[in-house]
């Protein structure tokens, strides 16, 4: 298994000062499931990633991509910045009117950049 996901998950837990048990409780998992993924004894599956996403405050697609269970979405300039992918995942989960609001904000920021 690629340790990239484990390293990422541990970093996310450390940011929140969470133990394996705390993440498991918040995600509705048994503590051994989190421990097995972190120790590398078990690969994170779809259900694990989806359950972990909610308490981390992340879209499930972000966690699934980190685990290598979804392909990376291509960007027009093939930017390697994960922030863009995170934004796409978040926007996808918003209602259509909120998506339009964000588009207007992005366009305003873009125009301000060009005029400055």
PDB file of N, CA and C in Angstrom:
ATOM      1  N   UNK A   1       0.848  -1.188   0.000  1.00  0.00           N
ATOM      2  CA  UNK A   1       0.000   0.000   0.000  1.00  0.00           C
ATOM      3  C   UNK A   1       0.886   1.241   0.000  1.00  0.00           C
ATOM      4  N   UNK A   2       0.470   2.246  -0.695  1.00  0.00           N
ATOM      5  CA  UNK A   2       1.162   3.519  -0.740  1.00  0.00           C
ATOM      6  C   UNK A   2       0.985   4.232   0.603  1.00  0.00           C
ATOM      7  N   UNK A   3       2.088   4.634   1.208  1.00  0.00           N
ATOM      8  CA  UNK A   3       2.021   5.282   2.516  1.00  0.00           C
ATOM      9  C   UNK A   3       1.612   6.742   2.435  1.00  0.00           C
ATOM     10  N   UNK A   4       1.407   7.268   1.233  1.00  0.00           N
ATOM     11  CA  UNK A   4       1.006   8.659   1.079  1.00  0.00           C
ATOM     12  C   UNK A   4      -0.308   8.940   1.803  1.00  0.00           C
ATOM     13  N   UNK A   5      -1.269   8.050   1.662  1.00  0.00           N
ATOM     14  CA  UNK A   5      -2.557   8.239   2.316  1.00  0.00           C
ATOM     15  C   UNK A   5      -2.397   8.210   3.828  1.00  0.00           C
ATOM     16  N   UNK A   6      -1.640   7.244   4.326  1.00  0.00           N
ATOM     17  CA  UNK A   6      -1.439   7.117   5.772  1.00  0.00           C
ATOM     18  C   UNK A   6      -0.783   8.383   6.316  1.00  0.00           C
ATOM     19  N   UNK A   7       0.247   8.857   5.647  1.00  0.00           N
ATOM     20  CA  UNK A   7       0.929  10.085   6.079  1.00  0.00           C
ATOM     21  C   UNK A   7      -0.037  11.256   6.073  1.00  0.00           C
ATOM     22  N   UNK A   8      -0.836  11.362   5.018  1.00  0.00           N
ATOM     23  CA  UNK A   8      -1.820  12.441   4.920  1.00  0.00           C
ATOM     24  C   UNK A   8      -2.840  12.347   6.052  1.00  0.00           C
ATOM     25  N   UNK A   9      -3.366  11.136   6.307  1.00  0.00           N
ATOM     26  CA  UNK A   9      -4.378  10.953   7.346  1.00  0.00           C
ATOM     27  C   UNK A   9      -3.804  11.280   8.726  1.00  0.00           C
ATOM     28  N   UNK A  10      -2.602  10.837   8.990  1.00  0.00           N
ATOM     29  CA  UNK A  10      -1.964  11.147  10.276  1.00  0.00           C
ATOM     30  C   UNK A  10      -1.794  12.657  10.430  1.00  0.00           C
ATOM     31  N   UNK A  11      -1.377  13.324   9.364  1.00  0.00           N
ATOM     32  CA  UNK A  11      -1.240  14.791   9.409  1.00  0.00           C
ATOM     33  C   UNK A  11      -2.577  15.455   9.713  1.00  0.00           C
ATOM     34  N   UNK A  12      -3.648  14.981   9.068  1.00  0.00           N
ATOM     35  CA  UNK A  12      -4.976  15.545   9.302  1.00  0.00           C
ATOM     36  C   UNK A  12      -5.411  15.329  10.755  1.00  0.00           C
ATOM     37  N   UNK A  13      -5.108  14.164  11.295  1.00  0.00           N
ATOM     38  CA  UNK A  13      -5.458  13.874  12.678  1.00  0.00           C
ATOM     39  C   UNK A  13      -4.635  14.743  13.640  1.00  0.00           C
ATOM     40  N   UNK A  14      -3.358  14.915  13.342  1.00  0.00           N
ATOM     41  CA  UNK A  14      -2.500  15.733  14.204  1.00  0.00           C
ATOM     42  C   UNK A  14      -2.938  17.190  14.201  1.00  0.00           C
ATOM     43  N   UNK A  15      -3.388  17.696  13.056  1.00  0.00           N
ATOM     44  CA  UNK A  15      -3.890  19.077  12.979  1.00  0.00           C
ATOM     45  C   UNK A  15      -5.036  19.302  13.955  1.00  0.00           C
ATOM     46  N   UNK A  16      -5.800  18.241  14.179  1.00  0.00           N
ATOM     47  CA  UNK A  16      -6.988  18.342  15.031  1.00  0.00           C
ATOM     48  C   UNK A  16      -6.739  17.808  16.452  1.00  0.00           C
ATOM     49  N   UNK A  17      -5.512  17.320  16.666  1.00  0.00           N
ATOM     50  CA  UNK A  17      -5.143  16.715  17.947  1.00  0.00           C
ATOM     51  C   UNK A  17      -6.052  15.528  18.259  1.00  0.00           C
ATOM     52  N   UNK A  18      -6.272  14.672  17.239  1.00  0.00           N
ATOM     53  CA  UNK A  18      -7.124  13.501  17.374  1.00  0.00           C
ATOM     54  C   UNK A  18      -6.280  12.237  17.452  1.00  0.00           C
ATOM     55  N   UNK A  19      -6.727  11.302  18.249  1.00  0.00           N
ATOM     56  CA  UNK A  19      -6.147   9.958  18.276  1.00  0.00           C
ATOM     57  C   UNK A  19      -6.920   9.092  17.284  1.00  0.00           C
ATOM     58  N   UNK A  20      -6.436   7.862  17.116  1.00  0.00           N
ATOM     59  CA  UNK A  20      -7.169   6.913  16.266  1.00  0.00           C
ATOM     60  C   UNK A  20      -8.586   6.712  16.797  1.00  0.00           C
ATOM     61  N   UNK A  21      -8.712   6.621  18.108  1.00  0.00           N
ATOM     62  CA  UNK A  21     -10.018   6.382  18.733  1.00  0.00           C
ATOM     63  C   UNK A  21     -10.984   7.534  18.490  1.00  0.00           C
ATOM     64  N   UNK A  22     -10.472   8.756  18.568  1.00  0.00           N
ATOM     65  CA  UNK A  22     -11.335   9.924  18.351  1.00  0.00           C
ATOM     66  C   UNK A  22     -11.832   9.946  16.911  1.00  0.00           C
ATOM     67  N   UNK A  23     -10.922   9.736  15.963  1.00  0.00           N
ATOM     68  CA  UNK A  23     -11.345   9.711  14.556  1.00  0.00           C
ATOM     69  C   UNK A  23     -12.369   8.596  14.338  1.00  0.00           C
ATOM     70  N   UNK A  24     -12.107   7.436  14.898  1.00  0.00           N
ATOM     71  CA  UNK A  24     -13.026   6.310  14.726  1.00  0.00           C
ATOM     72  C   UNK A  24     -14.412   6.658  15.265  1.00  0.00           C
ATOM     73  N   UNK A  25     -14.459   7.240  16.440  1.00  0.00           N
ATOM     74  CA  UNK A  25     -15.754   7.597  17.049  1.00  0.00           C
ATOM     75  C   UNK A  25     -16.490   8.610  16.183  1.00  0.00           C
ATOM     76  N   UNK A  26     -15.781   9.643  15.742  1.00  0.00           N
ATOM     77  CA  UNK A  26     -16.411  10.693  14.936  1.00  0.00           C
ATOM     78  C   UNK A  26     -16.864  10.170  13.573  1.00  0.00           C
ATOM     79  N   UNK A  27     -16.152   9.168  13.052  1.00  0.00           N
ATOM     80  CA  UNK A  27     -16.472   8.619  11.732  1.00  0.00           C
ATOM     81  C   UNK A  27     -17.451   7.447  11.800  1.00  0.00           C
ATOM     82  N   UNK A  28     -17.770   6.990  12.996  1.00  0.00           N
ATOM     83  CA  UNK A  28     -18.658   5.844  13.122  1.00  0.00           C
ATOM     84  C   UNK A  28     -17.984   4.538  12.753  1.00  0.00           C
ATOM     85  N   UNK A  29     -16.693   4.454  13.046  1.00  0.00           N
ATOM     86  CA  UNK A  29     -15.919   3.252  12.767  1.00  0.00           C
ATOM     87  C   UNK A  29     -15.448   2.633  14.078  1.00  0.00           C
ATOM     88  N   UNK A  30     -15.052   1.379  14.017  1.00  0.00           N
ATOM     89  CA  UNK A  30     -14.435   0.776  15.195  1.00  0.00           C
ATOM     90  C   UNK A  30     -12.978   1.223  15.218  1.00  0.00           C
ATOM     91  N   UNK A  31     -12.414   1.463  16.389  1.00  0.00           N
ATOM     92  CA  UNK A  31     -11.034   1.941  16.478  1.00  0.00           C
ATOM     93  C   UNK A  31     -10.029   1.057  15.748  1.00  0.00           C
ATOM     94  N   UNK A  32     -10.275  -0.239  15.733  1.00  0.00           N
ATOM     95  CA  UNK A  32      -9.325  -1.131  15.060  1.00  0.00           C
ATOM     96  C   UNK A  32      -9.268  -0.861  13.552  1.00  0.00           C
ATOM     97  N   UNK A  33     -10.367  -0.401  12.958  1.00  0.00           N
ATOM     98  CA  UNK A  33     -10.363  -0.101  11.516  1.00  0.00           C
ATOM     99  C   UNK A  33      -9.381   1.022  11.211  1.00  0.00           C
ATOM    100  N   UNK A  34      -9.406   2.072  12.035  1.00  0.00           N
ATOM    101  CA  UNK A  34      -8.480   3.193  11.837  1.00  0.00           C
ATOM    102  C   UNK A  34      -7.048   2.730  12.097  1.00  0.00           C
ATOM    103  N   UNK A  35      -6.845   1.987  13.164  1.00  0.00           N
ATOM    104  CA  UNK A  35      -5.502   1.495  13.510  1.00  0.00           C
ATOM    105  C   UNK A  35      -4.925   0.618  12.404  1.00  0.00           C
ATOM    106  N   UNK A  36      -5.750  -0.249  11.824  1.00  0.00           N
ATOM    107  CA  UNK A  36      -5.278  -1.140  10.765  1.00  0.00           C
ATOM    108  C   UNK A  36      -4.879  -0.372   9.512  1.00  0.00           C
ATOM    109  N   UNK A  37      -5.620   0.681   9.182  1.00  0.00           N
ATOM    110  CA  UNK A  37      -5.266   1.488   8.013  1.00  0.00           C
ATOM    111  C   UNK A  37      -3.965   2.234   8.291  1.00  0.00           C
ATOM    112  N   UNK A  38      -3.851   2.828   9.464  1.00  0.00           N
ATOM    113  CA  UNK A  38      -2.655   3.606   9.794  1.00  0.00           C
ATOM    114  C   UNK A  38      -1.414   2.724   9.889  1.00  0.00           C
ATOM    115  N   UNK A  39      -1.580   1.502  10.375  1.00  0.00           N
ATOM    116  CA  UNK A  39      -0.433   0.593  10.494  1.00  0.00           C
ATOM    117  C   UNK A  39      -0.065  -0.047   9.156  1.00  0.00           C
ATOM    118  N   UNK A  40      -0.945   0.101   8.165  1.00  0.00           N
ATOM    119  CA  UNK A  40      -0.680  -0.490   6.857  1.00  0.00           C
ATOM    120  C   UNK A  40      -1.155  -1.928   6.739  1.00  0.00           C
ATOM    121  N   UNK A  41      -1.831  -2.432   7.783  1.00  0.00           N
ATOM    122  CA  UNK A  41      -2.341  -3.803   7.748  1.00  0.00           C
ATOM    123  C   UNK A  41      -3.584  -3.932   6.873  1.00  0.00           C
ATOM    124  N   UNK A  42      -4.216  -2.793   6.590  1.00  0.00           N
ATOM    125  CA  UNK A  42      -5.448  -2.792   5.792  1.00  0.00           C
ATOM    126  C   UNK A  42      -5.437  -1.557   4.895  1.00  0.00           C
ATOM    127  N   UNK A  43      -5.865  -1.731   3.675  1.00  0.00           N
ATOM    128  CA  UNK A  43      -5.978  -0.586   2.770  1.00  0.00           C
ATOM    129  C   UNK A  43      -7.285   0.139   3.047  1.00  0.00           C
ATOM    130  N   UNK A  44      -7.290   1.460   2.888  1.00  0.00           N
ATOM    131  CA  UNK A  44      -8.548   2.186   3.079  1.00  0.00           C
ATOM    132  C   UNK A  44      -9.482   1.869   1.914  1.00  0.00           C
ATOM    133  N   UNK A  45     -10.685   1.497   2.224  1.00  0.00           N
ATOM    134  CA  UNK A  45     -11.669   1.211   1.186  1.00  0.00           C
ATOM    135  C   UNK A  45     -12.591   2.399   0.994  1.00  0.00           C
ATOM    136  N   UNK A  46     -13.528   2.248   0.093  1.00  0.00           N
ATOM    137  CA  UNK A  46     -14.476   3.319  -0.201  1.00  0.00           C
ATOM    138  C   UNK A  46     -15.270   3.722   1.038  1.00  0.00           C
ATOM    139  N   UNK A  47     -15.823   2.729   1.744  1.00  0.00           N
ATOM    140  CA  UNK A  47     -16.642   3.037   2.919  1.00  0.00           C
ATOM    141  C   UNK A  47     -15.820   3.745   3.988  1.00  0.00           C
ATOM    142  N   UNK A  48     -14.591   3.283   4.205  1.00  0.00           N
ATOM    143  CA  UNK A  48     -13.714   3.911   5.190  1.00  0.00           C
ATOM    144  C   UNK A  48     -13.491   5.382   4.832  1.00  0.00           C
ATOM    145  N   UNK A  49     -13.138   5.640   3.586  1.00  0.00           N
ATOM    146  CA  UNK A  49     -12.850   7.005   3.144  1.00  0.00           C
ATOM    147  C   UNK A  49     -14.069   7.919   3.265  1.00  0.00           C
ATOM    148  N   UNK A  50     -15.210   7.398   2.889  1.00  0.00           N
ATOM    149  CA  UNK A  50     -16.434   8.211   2.960  1.00  0.00           C
ATOM    150  C   UNK A  50     -16.774   8.535   4.409  1.00  0.00           C
ATOM    151  N   UNK A  51     -16.616   7.555   5.294  1.00  0.00           N
ATOM    152  CA  UNK A  51     -16.912   7.800   6.702  1.00  0.00           C
ATOM    153  C   UNK A  51     -15.908   8.767   7.340  1.00  0.00           C
ATOM    154  N   UNK A  52     -14.666   8.707   6.931  1.00  0.00           N
ATOM    155  CA  UNK A  52     -13.625   9.569   7.491  1.00  0.00           C
ATOM    156  C   UNK A  52     -13.755  11.004   6.970  1.00  0.00           C
ATOM    157  N   UNK A  53     -14.267  11.159   5.777  1.00  0.00           N
ATOM    158  CA  UNK A  53     -14.358  12.490   5.158  1.00  0.00           C
ATOM    159  C   UNK A  53     -15.199  13.451   5.984  1.00  0.00           C
ATOM    160  N   UNK A  54     -16.316  12.992   6.471  1.00  0.00           N
ATOM    161  CA  UNK A  54     -17.257  13.888   7.177  1.00  0.00           C
ATOM    162  C   UNK A  54     -16.632  14.548   8.399  1.00  0.00           C
ATOM    163  N   UNK A  55     -16.070  13.789   9.347  1.00  0.00           N
ATOM    164  CA  UNK A  55     -15.489  14.464  10.510  1.00  0.00           C
ATOM    165  C   UNK A  55     -14.273  15.327  10.164  1.00  0.00           C
ATOM    166  N   UNK A  56     -13.597  15.003   9.075  1.00  0.00           N
ATOM    167  CA  UNK A  56     -12.470  15.830   8.651  1.00  0.00           C
ATOM    168  C   UNK A  56     -12.944  17.111   7.974  1.00  0.00           C
ATOM    169  N   UNK A  57     -14.231  17.171   7.657  1.00  0.00           N
ATOM    170  CA  UNK A  57     -14.775  18.352   6.998  1.00  0.00           C
ATOM    171  C   UNK A  57     -14.357  18.452   5.544  1.00  0.00           C
ATOM    172  N   UNK A  58     -14.165  17.309   4.921  1.00  0.00           N
ATOM    173  CA  UNK A  58     -13.722  17.266   3.527  1.00  0.00           C
ATOM    174  C   UNK A  58     -14.734  16.534   2.666  1.00  0.00           C
ATOM    175  N   UNK A  59     -14.805  16.896   1.395  1.00  0.00           N
ATOM    176  CA  UNK A  59     -15.670  16.136   0.486  1.00  0.00           C
ATOM    177  C   UNK A  59     -15.150  14.704   0.370  1.00  0.00           C
ATOM    178  N   UNK A  60     -16.037  13.725   0.278  1.00  0.00           N
ATOM    179  CA  UNK A  60     -15.587  12.334   0.136  1.00  0.00           C
ATOM    180  C   UNK A  60     -14.625  12.138  -1.036  1.00  0.00           C
ATOM    181  N   UNK A  61     -14.852  12.880  -2.120  1.00  0.00           N
ATOM    182  CA  UNK A  61     -13.973  12.731  -3.296  1.00  0.00           C
ATOM    183  C   UNK A  61     -12.518  13.064  -2.961  1.00  0.00           C
ATOM    184  N   UNK A  62     -12.313  14.030  -2.095  1.00  0.00           N
ATOM    185  CA  UNK A  62     -10.953  14.408  -1.715  1.00  0.00           C
ATOM    186  C   UNK A  62     -10.260  13.248  -1.016  1.00  0.00           C
ATOM    187  N   UNK A  63     -10.951  12.633  -0.061  1.00  0.00           N
ATOM    188  CA  UNK A  63     -10.358  11.520   0.688  1.00  0.00           C
ATOM    189  C   UNK A  63     -10.168  10.313  -0.228  1.00  0.00           C
ATOM    190  N   UNK A  64     -11.147  10.043  -1.088  1.00  0.00           N
ATOM    191  CA  UNK A  64     -11.022   8.925  -2.026  1.00  0.00           C
ATOM    192  C   UNK A  64      -9.843   9.122  -2.975  1.00  0.00           C
ATOM    193  N   UNK A  65      -9.612  10.346  -3.414  1.00  0.00           N
ATOM    194  CA  UNK A  65      -8.461  10.618  -4.284  1.00  0.00           C
ATOM    195  C   UNK A  65      -7.153  10.448  -3.526  1.00  0.00           C
ATOM    196  N   UNK A  66      -7.119  10.930  -2.282  1.00  0.00           N
ATOM    197  CA  UNK A  66      -5.913  10.776  -1.458  1.00  0.00           C
ATOM    198  C   UNK A  66      -5.575   9.297  -1.283  1.00  0.00           C
ATOM    199  N   UNK A  67      -6.617   8.457  -1.186  1.00  0.00           N
ATOM    200  CA  UNK A  67      -6.418   7.019  -1.006  1.00  0.00           C
ATOM    201  C   UNK A  67      -6.137   6.302  -2.326  1.00  0.00           C
ATOM    202  N   UNK A  68      -6.209   7.024  -3.441  1.00  0.00           N
ATOM    203  CA  UNK A  68      -5.962   6.418  -4.743  1.00  0.00           C
ATOM    204  C   UNK A  68      -7.143   5.635  -5.277  1.00  0.00           C
ATOM    205  N   UNK A  69      -8.329   5.883  -4.711  1.00  0.00           N
ATOM    206  CA  UNK A  69      -9.518   5.154  -5.149  1.00  0.00           C
ATOM    207  C   UNK A  69     -10.304   5.884  -6.229  1.00  0.00           C
ATOM    208  N   UNK A  70      -9.980   7.127  -6.460  1.00  0.00           N
ATOM    209  CA  UNK A  70     -10.545   7.904  -7.569  1.00  0.00           C
ATOM    210  C   UNK A  70      -9.390   8.548  -8.316  1.00  0.00           C
ATOM    211  N   UNK A  71      -9.518   8.655  -9.615  1.00  0.00           N
ATOM    212  CA  UNK A  71      -8.444   9.301 -10.369  1.00  0.00           C
ATOM    213  C   UNK A  71      -8.440  10.803 -10.143  1.00  0.00           C
ATOM    214  N   UNK A  72      -7.292  11.359 -10.305  1.00  0.00           N
ATOM    215  CA  UNK A  72      -7.150  12.809 -10.229  1.00  0.00           C
ATOM    216  C   UNK A  72      -7.848  13.400 -11.440  1.00  0.00           C
ATOM    217  N   UNK A  73      -8.569  14.492 -11.213  1.00  0.00           N
ATOM    218  CA  UNK A  73      -9.212  15.161 -12.337  1.00  0.00           C
ATOM    219  C   UNK A  73      -8.187  16.023 -13.054  1.00  0.00           C
ATOM    220  N   UNK A  74      -8.160  15.956 -14.371  1.00  0.00           N
ATOM    221  CA  UNK A  74      -7.209  16.799 -15.096  1.00  0.00           C
ATOM    222  C   UNK A  74      -7.614  18.267 -15.002  1.00  0.00           C
ATOM    223  N   UNK A  75      -6.656  19.116 -14.898  1.00  0.00           N
ATOM    224  CA  UNK A  75      -6.904  20.556 -14.894  1.00  0.00           C
ATOM    225  C   UNK A  75      -6.390  21.120 -16.208  1.00  0.00           C
ATOM    226  N   UNK A  76      -6.922  22.267 -16.646  1.00  0.00           N
ATOM    227  CA  UNK A  76      -6.513  22.808 -17.938  1.00  0.00           C
ATOM    228  C   UNK A  76      -5.002  22.977 -18.076  1.00  0.00           C
ATOM    229  N   UNK A  77      -4.350  23.380 -17.040  1.00  0.00           N
ATOM    230  CA  UNK A  77      -2.887  23.610 -17.121  1.00  0.00           C
ATOM    231  C   UNK A  77      -2.107  22.522 -16.399  1.00  0.00           C
ATOM    232  N   UNK A  78      -2.809  21.443 -16.030  1.00  0.00           N
ATOM    233  CA  UNK A  78      -2.192  20.346 -15.295  1.00  0.00           C
ATOM    234  C   UNK A  78      -1.446  20.857 -14.068  1.00  0.00           C
ATOM    235  N   UNK A  79      -2.125  21.710 -13.332  1.00  0.00           N
ATOM    236  CA  UNK A  79      -1.563  22.266 -12.116  1.00  0.00           C
ATOM    237  C   UNK A  79      -1.456  21.150 -11.086  1.00  0.00           C
ATOM    238  N   UNK A  80      -0.326  21.075 -10.415  1.00  0.00           N
ATOM    239  CA  UNK A  80      -0.139  20.016  -9.425  1.00  0.00           C
ATOM    240  C   UNK A  80      -0.589  20.459  -8.039  1.00  0.00           C
ATOM    241  N   UNK A  81      -1.268  21.583  -7.959  1.00  0.00           N
ATOM    242  CA  UNK A  81      -1.705  22.117  -6.682  1.00  0.00           C
ATOM    243  C   UNK A  81      -2.996  21.435  -6.249  1.00  0.00           C
ATOM    244  N   UNK A  82      -2.964  20.759  -5.106  1.00  0.00           N
ATOM    245  CA  UNK A  82      -4.147  20.032  -4.649  1.00  0.00           C
ATOM    246  C   UNK A  82      -5.263  20.974  -4.211  1.00  0.00           C
ATOM    247  N   UNK A  83      -4.969  22.236  -3.979  1.00  0.00           N
ATOM    248  CA  UNK A  83      -5.991  23.200  -3.586  1.00  0.00           C
ATOM    249  C   UNK A  83      -7.065  23.307  -4.668  1.00  0.00           C
ATOM    250  N   UNK A  84      -6.662  23.299  -5.909  1.00  0.00           N
ATOM    251  CA  UNK A  84      -7.620  23.401  -7.014  1.00  0.00           C
ATOM    252  C   UNK A  84      -8.549  22.192  -7.012  1.00  0.00           C
ATOM    253  N   UNK A  85      -7.998  21.009  -6.801  1.00  0.00           N
ATOM    254  CA  UNK A  85      -8.822  19.810  -6.767  1.00  0.00           C
ATOM    255  C   UNK A  85      -9.783  19.853  -5.588  1.00  0.00           C
ATOM    256  N   UNK A  86      -9.302  20.328  -4.438  1.00  0.00           N
ATOM    257  CA  UNK A  86     -10.171  20.444  -3.263  1.00  0.00           C
ATOM    258  C   UNK A  86     -11.319  21.406  -3.536  1.00  0.00           C
ATOM    259  N   UNK A  87     -11.032  22.523  -4.205  1.00  0.00           N
ATOM    260  CA  UNK A  87     -12.077  23.486  -4.547  1.00  0.00           C
ATOM    261  C   UNK A  87     -13.123  22.863  -5.465  1.00  0.00           C
ATOM    262  N   UNK A  88     -12.678  22.117  -6.450  1.00  0.00           N
ATOM    263  CA  UNK A  88     -13.606  21.466  -7.375  1.00  0.00           C
ATOM    264  C   UNK A  88     -14.511  20.512  -6.616  1.00  0.00           C
ATOM    265  N   UNK A  89     -13.939  19.726  -5.704  1.00  0.00           N
ATOM    266  CA  UNK A  89     -14.728  18.768  -4.935  1.00  0.00           C
ATOM    267  C   UNK A  89     -15.756  19.476  -4.052  1.00  0.00           C
ATOM    268  N   UNK A  90     -15.365  20.573  -3.433  1.00  0.00           N
ATOM    269  CA  UNK A  90     -16.275  21.312  -2.561  1.00  0.00           C
ATOM    270  C   UNK A  90     -17.403  21.929  -3.379  1.00  0.00           C
ATOM    271  N   UNK A  91     -17.050  22.561  -4.487  1.00  0.00           N
ATOM    272  CA  UNK A  91     -18.048  23.230  -5.324  1.00  0.00           C
ATOM    273  C   UNK A  91     -19.077  22.229  -5.845  1.00  0.00           C
ATOM    274  N   UNK A  92     -18.625  21.045  -6.196  1.00  0.00           N
ATOM    275  CA  UNK A  92     -19.521  20.017  -6.714  1.00  0.00           C
ATOM    276  C   UNK A  92     -20.636  19.665  -5.730  1.00  0.00           C
ATOM    277  N   UNK A  93     -20.327  19.766  -4.430  1.00  0.00           N
ATOM    278  CA  UNK A  93     -21.311  19.388  -3.409  1.00  0.00           C
ATOM    279  C   UNK A  93     -22.249  20.529  -3.026  1.00  0.00           C
ATOM    280  N   UNK A  94     -22.017  21.714  -3.547  1.00  0.00           N
ATOM    281  CA  UNK A  94     -22.866  22.862  -3.215  1.00  0.00           C
ATOM    282  C   UNK A  94     -24.098  22.918  -4.112  1.00  0.00           C
ATOM    283  N   UNK A  95     -25.164  23.543  -3.630  1.00  0.00           N
ATOM    284  CA  UNK A  95     -26.336  23.750  -4.487  1.00  0.00           C
ATOM    285  C   UNK A  95     -25.975  24.662  -5.667  1.00  0.00           C
ATOM    286  N   UNK A  96     -26.749  24.553  -6.718  1.00  0.00           N
ATOM    287  CA  UNK A  96     -26.441  25.282  -7.946  1.00  0.00           C
ATOM    288  C   UNK A  96     -26.368  26.790  -7.736  1.00  0.00           C
ATOM    289  N   UNK A  97     -27.238  27.370  -6.911  1.00  0.00           N
ATOM    290  CA  UNK A  97     -27.186  28.816  -6.701  1.00  0.00           C
ATOM    291  C   UNK A  97     -25.891  29.224  -5.991  1.00  0.00           C
ATOM    292  N   UNK A  98     -25.411  28.390  -5.082  1.00  0.00           N
ATOM    293  CA  UNK A  98     -24.136  28.681  -4.418  1.00  0.00           C
ATOM    294  C   UNK A  98     -22.970  28.529  -5.387  1.00  0.00           C
ATOM    295  N   UNK A  99     -23.075  27.586  -6.314  1.00  0.00           N
ATOM    296  CA  UNK A  99     -22.037  27.430  -7.336  1.00  0.00           C
ATOM    297  C   UNK A  99     -21.949  28.687  -8.198  1.00  0.00           C
ATOM    298  N   UNK A 100     -23.116  29.231  -8.565  1.00  0.00           N
ATOM    299  CA  UNK A 100     -23.129  30.468  -9.364  1.00  0.00           C
ATOM    300  C   UNK A 100     -22.532  31.632  -8.579  1.00  0.00           C
ATOM    301  N   UNK A 101     -22.851  31.709  -7.280  1.00  0.00           N
ATOM    302  CA  UNK A 101     -22.284  32.762  -6.427  1.00  0.00           C
ATOM    303  C   UNK A 101     -20.763  32.666  -6.398  1.00  0.00           C
ATOM    304  N   UNK A 102     -20.248  31.451  -6.258  1.00  0.00           N
ATOM    305  CA  UNK A 102     -18.797  31.276  -6.230  1.00  0.00           C
ATOM    306  C   UNK A 102     -18.166  31.643  -7.573  1.00  0.00           C
ATOM    307  N   UNK A 103     -18.845  31.335  -8.651  1.00  0.00           N
ATOM    308  CA  UNK A 103     -18.341  31.706  -9.971  1.00  0.00           C
ATOM    309  C   UNK A 103     -18.245  33.224 -10.092  1.00  0.00           C
ATOM    310  N   UNK A 104     -19.256  33.935  -9.610  1.00  0.00           N
ATOM    311  CA  UNK A 104     -19.222  35.399  -9.644  1.00  0.00           C
ATOM    312  C   UNK A 104     -18.071  35.948  -8.807  1.00  0.00           C
ATOM    313  N   UNK A 105     -17.848  35.359  -7.649  1.00  0.00           N
ATOM    314  CA  UNK A 105     -16.733  35.787  -6.794  1.00  0.00           C
ATOM    315  C   UNK A 105     -15.400  35.531  -7.497  1.00  0.00           C
ATOM    316  N   UNK A 106     -15.262  34.358  -8.090  1.00  0.00           N
ATOM    317  CA  UNK A 106     -14.023  34.016  -8.795  1.00  0.00           C
ATOM    318  C   UNK A 106     -13.775  34.960  -9.967  1.00  0.00           C
ATOM    319  N   UNK A 107     -14.829  35.275 -10.701  1.00  0.00           N
ATOM    320  CA  UNK A 107     -14.681  36.207 -11.827  1.00  0.00           C
ATOM    321  C   UNK A 107     -14.278  37.604 -11.340  1.00  0.00           C
ATOM    322  N   UNK A 108     -14.854  38.037 -10.225  1.00  0.00           N
ATOM    323  CA  UNK A 108     -14.496  39.342  -9.670  1.00  0.00           C
ATOM    324  C   UNK A 108     -13.026  39.362  -9.253  1.00  0.00           C
ATOM    325  N   UNK A 109     -12.565  38.300  -8.633  1.00  0.00           N
ATOM    326  CA  UNK A 109     -11.156  38.220  -8.235  1.00  0.00           C
ATOM    327  C   UNK A 109     -10.236  38.199  -9.458  1.00  0.00           C
ATOM    328  N   UNK A 110     -10.653  37.473 -10.484  1.00  0.00           N
ATOM    329  CA  UNK A 110      -9.871  37.382 -11.705  1.00  0.00           C
ATOM    330  C   UNK A 110      -9.763  38.752 -12.379  1.00  0.00           C
ATOM    331  N   UNK A 111     -10.888  39.454 -12.456  1.00  0.00           N
ATOM    332  CA  UNK A 111     -10.886  40.794 -13.086  1.00  0.00           C
ATOM    333  C   UNK A 111     -10.047  41.769 -12.281  1.00  0.00           C
ATOM    334  N   UNK A 112     -10.125  41.682 -10.957  1.00  0.00           N
ATOM    335  CA  UNK A 112      -9.343  42.582 -10.108  1.00  0.00           C
ATOM    336  C   UNK A 112      -7.845  42.326 -10.315  1.00  0.00           C
ATOM    337  N   UNK A 113      -7.477  41.077 -10.498  1.00  0.00           N
ATOM    338  CA  UNK A 113      -6.073  40.718 -10.749  1.00  0.00           C
ATOM    339  C   UNK A 113      -5.583  41.338 -12.055  1.00  0.00           C
ATOM    340  N   UNK A 114      -6.437  41.263 -13.105  1.00  0.00           N
ATOM    341  CA  UNK A 114      -6.073  41.808 -14.408  1.00  0.00           C
ATOM    342  C   UNK A 114      -5.997  43.330 -14.403  1.00  0.00           C
ATOM    343  N   UNK A 115      -6.787  43.990 -13.565  1.00  0.00           N
ATOM    344  CA  UNK A 115      -6.794  45.449 -13.558  1.00  0.00           C
ATOM    345  C   UNK A 115      -5.726  46.034 -12.640  1.00  0.00           C
ATOM    346  N   UNK A 116      -5.170  45.188 -11.772  1.00  0.00           N
ATOM    347  CA  UNK A 116      -4.197  45.677 -10.793  1.00  0.00           C
ATOM    348  C   UNK A 116      -2.843  45.454 -11.253  1.00  0.00           C
TER     349      UNK A 116
END
